[in-house]
Amino acid sequence: MGAIEQIGLEGTGCVGAGLSRWMRQRGHRIVEVNRPDRQTRRRRGKSDAVDAEAAARAVQAGTATAIPKTGDGAVG
C-alpha cells in the first residue's frame, strides 16, 4: 500500500468544512470533489460506494483540483 498523497472530499461547504480543516491541520492535502450531476446519479443509482469511487477516480485523474475554503477566516 502506498502513501496517501491527497484526499478528495465531497461537500466541503458547511458540513465538510470542519473535517477538511481538521485534516489540513494534520498535513493532508485536501481536494474538493463535486458530486456527480443528477443525470449521472439517476443512470448509475445513488450509492455511497459508487459516490466514493467516483470521487477517488476524479482525484486520481486530476479532474478534481479545487482546494476547499478554510472556513476559518473573515467573510467578505
PDB file of N, CA and C in Angstrom:
ATOM      1  N   MET A   1       0.846  -1.173   0.000  1.00  0.00           N
ATOM      2  CA  MET A   1       0.000   0.000   0.000  1.00  0.00           C
ATOM      3  C   MET A   1       0.887   1.230   0.000  1.00  0.00           C
ATOM      4  N   GLY A   2       0.562   2.205  -0.846  1.00  0.00           N
ATOM      5  CA  GLY A   2       1.356   3.424  -0.959  1.00  0.00           C
ATOM      6  C   GLY A   2       0.925   4.489   0.032  1.00  0.00           C
ATOM      7  N   ALA A   3       1.642   5.572   0.020  1.00  0.00           N
ATOM      8  CA  ALA A   3       1.339   6.706   0.890  1.00  0.00           C
ATOM      9  C   ALA A   3       0.157   7.490   0.335  1.00  0.00           C
ATOM     10  N   ILE A   4      -0.616   8.076   1.224  1.00  0.00           N
ATOM     11  CA  ILE A   4      -1.737   8.918   0.819  1.00  0.00           C
ATOM     12  C   ILE A   4      -1.173  10.269   0.404  1.00  0.00           C
ATOM     13  N   GLU A   5      -1.416  10.659  -0.845  1.00  0.00           N
ATOM     14  CA  GLU A   5      -0.903  11.932  -1.352  1.00  0.00           C
ATOM     15  C   GLU A   5      -1.911  13.049  -1.213  1.00  0.00           C
ATOM     16  N   GLN A   6      -3.184  12.720  -1.389  1.00  0.00           N
ATOM     17  CA  GLN A   6      -4.245  13.714  -1.268  1.00  0.00           C
ATOM     18  C   GLN A   6      -5.557  13.019  -0.972  1.00  0.00           C
ATOM     19  N   ILE A   7      -6.481  13.784  -0.423  1.00  0.00           N
ATOM     20  CA  ILE A   7      -7.782  13.241  -0.038  1.00  0.00           C
ATOM     21  C   ILE A   7      -8.859  14.047  -0.745  1.00  0.00           C
ATOM     22  N   GLY A   8      -9.785  13.355  -1.382  1.00  0.00           N
ATOM     23  CA  GLY A   8     -10.909  14.013  -2.036  1.00  0.00           C
ATOM     24  C   GLY A   8     -12.112  14.024  -1.124  1.00  0.00           C
ATOM     25  N   LEU A   9     -12.701  15.198  -0.928  1.00  0.00           N
ATOM     26  CA  LEU A   9     -13.898  15.345  -0.104  1.00  0.00           C
ATOM     27  C   LEU A   9     -15.014  15.938  -0.939  1.00  0.00           C
ATOM     28  N   GLU A  10     -16.175  15.343  -0.823  1.00  0.00           N
ATOM     29  CA  GLU A  10     -17.358  15.893  -1.470  1.00  0.00           C
ATOM     30  C   GLU A  10     -18.095  16.726  -0.437  1.00  0.00           C
ATOM     31  N   GLY A  11     -18.525  17.894  -0.821  1.00  0.00           N
ATOM     32  CA  GLY A  11     -19.316  18.708   0.096  1.00  0.00           C
ATOM     33  C   GLY A  11     -18.492  19.327   1.210  1.00  0.00           C
ATOM     34  N   THR A  12     -17.570  20.202   0.852  1.00  0.00           N
ATOM     35  CA  THR A  12     -16.740  20.830   1.870  1.00  0.00           C
ATOM     36  C   THR A  12     -17.325  22.173   2.291  1.00  0.00           C
ATOM     37  N   GLY A  13     -18.618  22.343   2.065  1.00  0.00           N
ATOM     38  CA  GLY A  13     -19.287  23.570   2.496  1.00  0.00           C
ATOM     39  C   GLY A  13     -19.462  23.556   3.997  1.00  0.00           C
ATOM     40  N   CYS A  14     -20.640  23.788   4.439  1.00  0.00           N
ATOM     41  CA  CYS A  14     -20.939  23.927   5.861  1.00  0.00           C
ATOM     42  C   CYS A  14     -20.576  22.671   6.661  1.00  0.00           C
ATOM     43  N   VAL A  15     -21.016  21.527   6.225  1.00  0.00           N
ATOM     44  CA  VAL A  15     -20.800  20.291   6.975  1.00  0.00           C
ATOM     45  C   VAL A  15     -19.365  19.792   6.883  1.00  0.00           C
ATOM     46  N   GLY A  16     -18.807  19.792   5.689  1.00  0.00           N
ATOM     47  CA  GLY A  16     -17.484  19.235   5.489  1.00  0.00           C
ATOM     48  C   GLY A  16     -16.329  20.166   5.821  1.00  0.00           C
ATOM     49  N   ALA A  17     -16.627  21.443   6.099  1.00  0.00           N
ATOM     50  CA  ALA A  17     -15.557  22.409   6.351  1.00  0.00           C
ATOM     51  C   ALA A  17     -14.732  22.028   7.574  1.00  0.00           C
ATOM     52  N   GLY A  18     -15.397  21.594   8.629  1.00  0.00           N
ATOM     53  CA  GLY A  18     -14.680  21.208   9.847  1.00  0.00           C
ATOM     54  C   GLY A  18     -13.774  20.013   9.612  1.00  0.00           C
ATOM     55  N   LEU A  19     -14.273  19.017   8.911  1.00  0.00           N
ATOM     56  CA  LEU A  19     -13.473  17.834   8.612  1.00  0.00           C
ATOM     57  C   LEU A  19     -12.288  18.209   7.726  1.00  0.00           C
ATOM     58  N   SER A  20     -12.543  19.032   6.725  1.00  0.00           N
ATOM     59  CA  SER A  20     -11.485  19.477   5.833  1.00  0.00           C
ATOM     60  C   SER A  20     -10.406  20.233   6.617  1.00  0.00           C
ATOM     61  N   ARG A  21     -10.821  21.140   7.471  1.00  0.00           N
ATOM     62  CA  ARG A  21      -9.872  21.920   8.277  1.00  0.00           C
ATOM     63  C   ARG A  21      -9.058  21.005   9.200  1.00  0.00           C
ATOM     64  N   TRP A  22      -9.717  20.043   9.823  1.00  0.00           N
ATOM     65  CA  TRP A  22      -9.051  19.100  10.736  1.00  0.00           C
ATOM     66  C   TRP A  22      -7.976  18.300   9.994  1.00  0.00           C
ATOM     67  N   MET A  23      -8.304  17.827   8.793  1.00  0.00           N
ATOM     68  CA  MET A  23      -7.337  17.040   8.019  1.00  0.00           C
ATOM     69  C   MET A  23      -6.175  17.899   7.529  1.00  0.00           C
ATOM     70  N   ARG A  24      -6.473  19.135   7.109  1.00  0.00           N
ATOM     71  CA  ARG A  24      -5.393  20.033   6.672  1.00  0.00           C
ATOM     72  C   ARG A  24      -4.426  20.332   7.813  1.00  0.00           C
ATOM     73  N   GLN A  25      -4.960  20.511   9.017  1.00  0.00           N
ATOM     74  CA  GLN A  25      -4.110  20.791  10.182  1.00  0.00           C
ATOM     75  C   GLN A  25      -3.163  19.635  10.477  1.00  0.00           C
ATOM     76  N   ARG A  26      -3.501  18.464   9.998  1.00  0.00           N
ATOM     77  CA  ARG A  26      -2.661  17.287  10.202  1.00  0.00           C
ATOM     78  C   ARG A  26      -1.780  16.991   8.991  1.00  0.00           C
ATOM     79  N   GLY A  27      -1.708  17.946   8.070  1.00  0.00           N
ATOM     80  CA  GLY A  27      -0.772  17.843   6.959  1.00  0.00           C
ATOM     81  C   GLY A  27      -1.288  17.170   5.703  1.00  0.00           C
ATOM     82  N   HIS A  28      -2.580  16.873   5.633  1.00  0.00           N
ATOM     83  CA  HIS A  28      -3.136  16.227   4.439  1.00  0.00           C
ATOM     84  C   HIS A  28      -3.490  17.278   3.386  1.00  0.00           C
ATOM     85  N   ARG A  29      -3.312  16.926   2.132  1.00  0.00           N
ATOM     86  CA  ARG A  29      -3.735  17.784   1.020  1.00  0.00           C
ATOM     87  C   ARG A  29      -5.166  17.390   0.677  1.00  0.00           C
ATOM     88  N   ILE A  30      -6.075  18.346   0.757  1.00  0.00           N
ATOM     89  CA  ILE A  30      -7.494  18.091   0.530  1.00  0.00           C
ATOM     90  C   ILE A  30      -7.902  18.688  -0.816  1.00  0.00           C
ATOM     91  N   VAL A  31      -8.664  17.918  -1.585  1.00  0.00           N
ATOM     92  CA  VAL A  31      -9.194  18.360  -2.869  1.00  0.00           C
ATOM     93  C   VAL A  31     -10.712  18.263  -2.791  1.00  0.00           C
ATOM     94  N   GLU A  32     -11.383  19.330  -3.203  1.00  0.00           N
ATOM     95  CA  GLU A  32     -12.845  19.322  -3.194  1.00  0.00           C
ATOM     96  C   GLU A  32     -13.362  18.632  -4.449  1.00  0.00           C
ATOM     97  N   VAL A  33     -14.270  17.688  -4.268  1.00  0.00           N
ATOM     98  CA  VAL A  33     -14.838  16.921  -5.376  1.00  0.00           C
ATOM     99  C   VAL A  33     -16.308  17.288  -5.513  1.00  0.00           C
ATOM    100  N   ASN A  34     -16.703  17.670  -6.709  1.00  0.00           N
ATOM    101  CA  ASN A  34     -18.118  17.957  -6.954  1.00  0.00           C
ATOM    102  C   ASN A  34     -18.895  16.654  -7.021  1.00  0.00           C
ATOM    103  N   ARG A  35     -20.111  16.681  -6.506  1.00  0.00           N
ATOM    104  CA  ARG A  35     -20.920  15.467  -6.610  1.00  0.00           C
ATOM    105  C   ARG A  35     -21.313  15.260  -8.062  1.00  0.00           C
ATOM    106  N   PRO A  36     -21.556  14.012  -8.448  1.00  0.00           N
ATOM    107  CA  PRO A  36     -21.937  13.738  -9.844  1.00  0.00           C
ATOM    108  C   PRO A  36     -23.227  14.480 -10.196  1.00  0.00           C
ATOM    109  N   ASP A  37     -23.365  14.857 -11.454  1.00  0.00           N
ATOM    110  CA  ASP A  37     -24.585  15.548 -11.852  1.00  0.00           C
ATOM    111  C   ASP A  37     -25.793  14.618 -11.729  1.00  0.00           C
ATOM    112  N   ARG A  38     -26.965  15.209 -11.705  1.00  0.00           N
ATOM    113  CA  ARG A  38     -28.193  14.433 -11.456  1.00  0.00           C
ATOM    114  C   ARG A  38     -28.432  13.347 -12.500  1.00  0.00           C
ATOM    115  N   GLN A  39     -28.114  13.648 -13.746  1.00  0.00           N
ATOM    116  CA  GLN A  39     -28.332  12.659 -14.804  1.00  0.00           C
ATOM    117  C   GLN A  39     -27.465  11.427 -14.570  1.00  0.00           C
ATOM    118  N   THR A  40     -26.212  11.639 -14.221  1.00  0.00           N
ATOM    119  CA  THR A  40     -25.311  10.514 -13.956  1.00  0.00           C
ATOM    120  C   THR A  40     -25.782   9.732 -12.745  1.00  0.00           C
ATOM    121  N   ARG A  41     -26.211  10.438 -11.691  1.00  0.00           N
ATOM    122  CA  ARG A  41     -26.681   9.761 -10.479  1.00  0.00           C
ATOM    123  C   ARG A  41     -27.928   8.924 -10.763  1.00  0.00           C
ATOM    124  N   ARG A  42     -28.819   9.447 -11.600  1.00  0.00           N
ATOM    125  CA  ARG A  42     -30.028   8.683 -11.944  1.00  0.00           C
ATOM    126  C   ARG A  42     -29.683   7.442 -12.739  1.00  0.00           C
ATOM    127  N   ARG A  43     -28.740   7.592 -13.652  1.00  0.00           N
ATOM    128  CA  ARG A  43     -28.360   6.484 -14.527  1.00  0.00           C
ATOM    129  C   ARG A  43     -27.639   5.384 -13.743  1.00  0.00           C
ATOM    130  N   ARG A  44     -26.742   5.771 -12.833  1.00  0.00           N
ATOM    131  CA  ARG A  44     -25.933   4.790 -12.104  1.00  0.00           C
ATOM    132  C   ARG A  44     -26.523   4.413 -10.753  1.00  0.00           C
ATOM    133  N   GLY A  45     -27.491   5.186 -10.273  1.00  0.00           N
ATOM    134  CA  GLY A  45     -28.083   4.904  -8.980  1.00  0.00           C
ATOM    135  C   GLY A  45     -27.333   5.614  -7.866  1.00  0.00           C
ATOM    136  N   LYS A  46     -28.041   5.841  -6.763  1.00  0.00           N
ATOM    137  CA  LYS A  46     -27.437   6.502  -5.608  1.00  0.00           C
ATOM    138  C   LYS A  46     -26.854   5.455  -4.691  1.00  0.00           C
ATOM    139  N   SER A  47     -25.578   5.583  -4.444  1.00  0.00           N
ATOM    140  CA  SER A  47     -24.898   4.646  -3.575  1.00  0.00           C
ATOM    141  C   SER A  47     -23.669   5.328  -3.005  1.00  0.00           C
ATOM    142  N   ASP A  48     -23.452   5.238  -1.707  1.00  0.00           N
ATOM    143  CA  ASP A  48     -22.264   5.834  -1.113  1.00  0.00           C
ATOM    144  C   ASP A  48     -20.998   5.225  -1.696  1.00  0.00           C
ATOM    145  N   ALA A  49     -21.026   3.930  -1.962  1.00  0.00           N
ATOM    146  CA  ALA A  49     -19.849   3.261  -2.537  1.00  0.00           C
ATOM    147  C   ALA A  49     -19.561   3.783  -3.943  1.00  0.00           C
ATOM    148  N   VAL A  50     -20.609   3.963  -4.740  1.00  0.00           N
ATOM    149  CA  VAL A  50     -20.447   4.483  -6.101  1.00  0.00           C
ATOM    150  C   VAL A  50     -19.926   5.922  -6.041  1.00  0.00           C
ATOM    151  N   ASP A  51     -20.490   6.732  -5.135  1.00  0.00           N
ATOM    152  CA  ASP A  51     -20.043   8.121  -4.993  1.00  0.00           C
ATOM    153  C   ASP A  51     -18.584   8.191  -4.549  1.00  0.00           C
ATOM    154  N   ALA A  52     -18.193   7.345  -3.618  1.00  0.00           N
ATOM    155  CA  ALA A  52     -16.812   7.335  -3.118  1.00  0.00           C
ATOM    156  C   ALA A  52     -15.840   6.937  -4.225  1.00  0.00           C
ATOM    157  N   GLU A  53     -16.216   5.945  -5.012  1.00  0.00           N
ATOM    158  CA  GLU A  53     -15.345   5.527  -6.116  1.00  0.00           C
ATOM    159  C   GLU A  53     -15.213   6.635  -7.152  1.00  0.00           C
ATOM    160  N   ALA A  54     -16.324   7.297  -7.468  1.00  0.00           N
ATOM    161  CA  ALA A  54     -16.283   8.389  -8.445  1.00  0.00           C
ATOM    162  C   ALA A  54     -15.402   9.536  -7.938  1.00  0.00           C
ATOM    163  N   ALA A  55     -15.486   9.833  -6.646  1.00  0.00           N
ATOM    164  CA  ALA A  55     -14.656  10.891  -6.060  1.00  0.00           C
ATOM    165  C   ALA A  55     -13.180  10.516  -6.134  1.00  0.00           C
ATOM    166  N   ALA A  56     -12.864   9.288  -5.800  1.00  0.00           N
ATOM    167  CA  ALA A  56     -11.469   8.830  -5.839  1.00  0.00           C
ATOM    168  C   ALA A  56     -10.929   8.876  -7.262  1.00  0.00           C
ATOM    169  N   ARG A  57     -11.735   8.461  -8.224  1.00  0.00           N
ATOM    170  CA  ARG A  57     -11.293   8.486  -9.621  1.00  0.00           C
ATOM    171  C   ARG A  57     -11.073   9.919 -10.114  1.00  0.00           C
ATOM    172  N   ALA A  58     -11.935  10.845  -9.674  1.00  0.00           N
ATOM    173  CA  ALA A  58     -11.786  12.246 -10.082  1.00  0.00           C
ATOM    174  C   ALA A  58     -10.490  12.834  -9.530  1.00  0.00           C
ATOM    175  N   VAL A  59     -10.144  12.485  -8.303  1.00  0.00           N
ATOM    176  CA  VAL A  59      -8.900  12.979  -7.711  1.00  0.00           C
ATOM    177  C   VAL A  59      -7.700  12.363  -8.436  1.00  0.00           C
ATOM    178  N   GLN A  60      -7.731  11.063  -8.665  1.00  0.00           N
ATOM    179  CA  GLN A  60      -6.619  10.394  -9.355  1.00  0.00           C
ATOM    180  C   GLN A  60      -6.433  10.912 -10.770  1.00  0.00           C
ATOM    181  N   ALA A  61      -7.540  11.187 -11.452  1.00  0.00           N
ATOM    182  CA  ALA A  61      -7.470  11.640 -12.838  1.00  0.00           C
ATOM    183  C   ALA A  61      -7.077  13.111 -12.951  1.00  0.00           C
ATOM    184  N   GLY A  62      -7.132  13.810 -11.834  1.00  0.00           N
ATOM    185  CA  GLY A  62      -6.787  15.223 -11.858  1.00  0.00           C
ATOM    186  C   GLY A  62      -7.915  16.130 -12.289  1.00  0.00           C
ATOM    187  N   THR A  63      -9.137  15.593 -12.401  1.00  0.00           N
ATOM    188  CA  THR A  63     -10.277  16.426 -12.785  1.00  0.00           C
ATOM    189  C   THR A  63     -10.863  17.156 -11.584  1.00  0.00           C
ATOM    190  N   ALA A  64     -10.578  16.695 -10.385  1.00  0.00           N
ATOM    191  CA  ALA A  64     -10.985  17.384  -9.157  1.00  0.00           C
ATOM    192  C   ALA A  64      -9.737  18.079  -8.622  1.00  0.00           C
ATOM    193  N   THR A  65      -9.708  19.402  -8.751  1.00  0.00           N
ATOM    194  CA  THR A  65      -8.496  20.134  -8.354  1.00  0.00           C
ATOM    195  C   THR A  65      -8.788  21.306  -7.432  1.00  0.00           C
ATOM    196  N   ALA A  66     -10.047  21.532  -7.087  1.00  0.00           N
ATOM    197  CA  ALA A  66     -10.395  22.684  -6.255  1.00  0.00           C
ATOM    198  C   ALA A  66      -9.909  22.486  -4.831  1.00  0.00           C
ATOM    199  N   ILE A  67      -9.293  23.512  -4.292  1.00  0.00           N
ATOM    200  CA  ILE A  67      -8.860  23.500  -2.898  1.00  0.00           C
ATOM    201  C   ILE A  67      -9.987  24.109  -2.086  1.00  0.00           C
ATOM    202  N   PRO A  68     -10.520  23.385  -1.104  1.00  0.00           N
ATOM    203  CA  PRO A  68     -11.646  23.903  -0.330  1.00  0.00           C
ATOM    204  C   PRO A  68     -11.267  25.144   0.471  1.00  0.00           C
ATOM    205  N   LYS A  69     -12.271  25.986   0.716  1.00  0.00           N
ATOM    206  CA  LYS A  69     -12.064  27.152   1.552  1.00  0.00           C
ATOM    207  C   LYS A  69     -11.683  26.681   2.955  1.00  0.00           C
ATOM    208  N   THR A  70     -10.952  27.521   3.662  1.00  0.00           N
ATOM    209  CA  THR A  70     -10.521  27.129   5.004  1.00  0.00           C
ATOM    210  C   THR A  70     -11.646  27.226   6.011  1.00  0.00           C
ATOM    211  N   GLY A  71     -12.587  28.144   5.798  1.00  0.00           N
ATOM    212  CA  GLY A  71     -13.720  28.277   6.709  1.00  0.00           C
ATOM    213  C   GLY A  71     -13.362  28.886   8.049  1.00  0.00           C
ATOM    214  N   ASP A  72     -12.154  29.436   8.164  1.00  0.00           N
ATOM    215  CA  ASP A  72     -11.770  29.998   9.449  1.00  0.00           C
ATOM    216  C   ASP A  72     -11.374  31.475   9.337  1.00  0.00           C
ATOM    217  N   GLY A  73     -11.655  32.075   8.208  1.00  0.00           N
ATOM    218  CA  GLY A  73     -11.330  33.478   8.022  1.00  0.00           C
ATOM    219  C   GLY A  73     -12.572  34.342   7.970  1.00  0.00           C
ATOM    220  N   ALA A  74     -12.369  35.619   7.769  1.00  0.00           N
ATOM    221  CA  ALA A  74     -13.472  36.563   7.675  1.00  0.00           C
ATOM    222  C   ALA A  74     -14.219  36.377   6.345  1.00  0.00           C
ATOM    223  N   VAL A  75     -15.513  36.587   6.396  1.00  0.00           N
ATOM    224  CA  VAL A  75     -16.330  36.529   5.184  1.00  0.00           C
ATOM    225  C   VAL A  75     -16.431  37.946   4.641  1.00  0.00           C
ATOM    226  N   GLY A  76     -16.098  38.068   3.345  1.00  0.00           N
ATOM    227  CA  GLY A  76     -16.064  39.433   2.802  1.00  0.00           C
ATOM    228  C   GLY A  76     -16.929  39.690   1.664  1.00  0.00           C
TER     229      GLY A  76
END
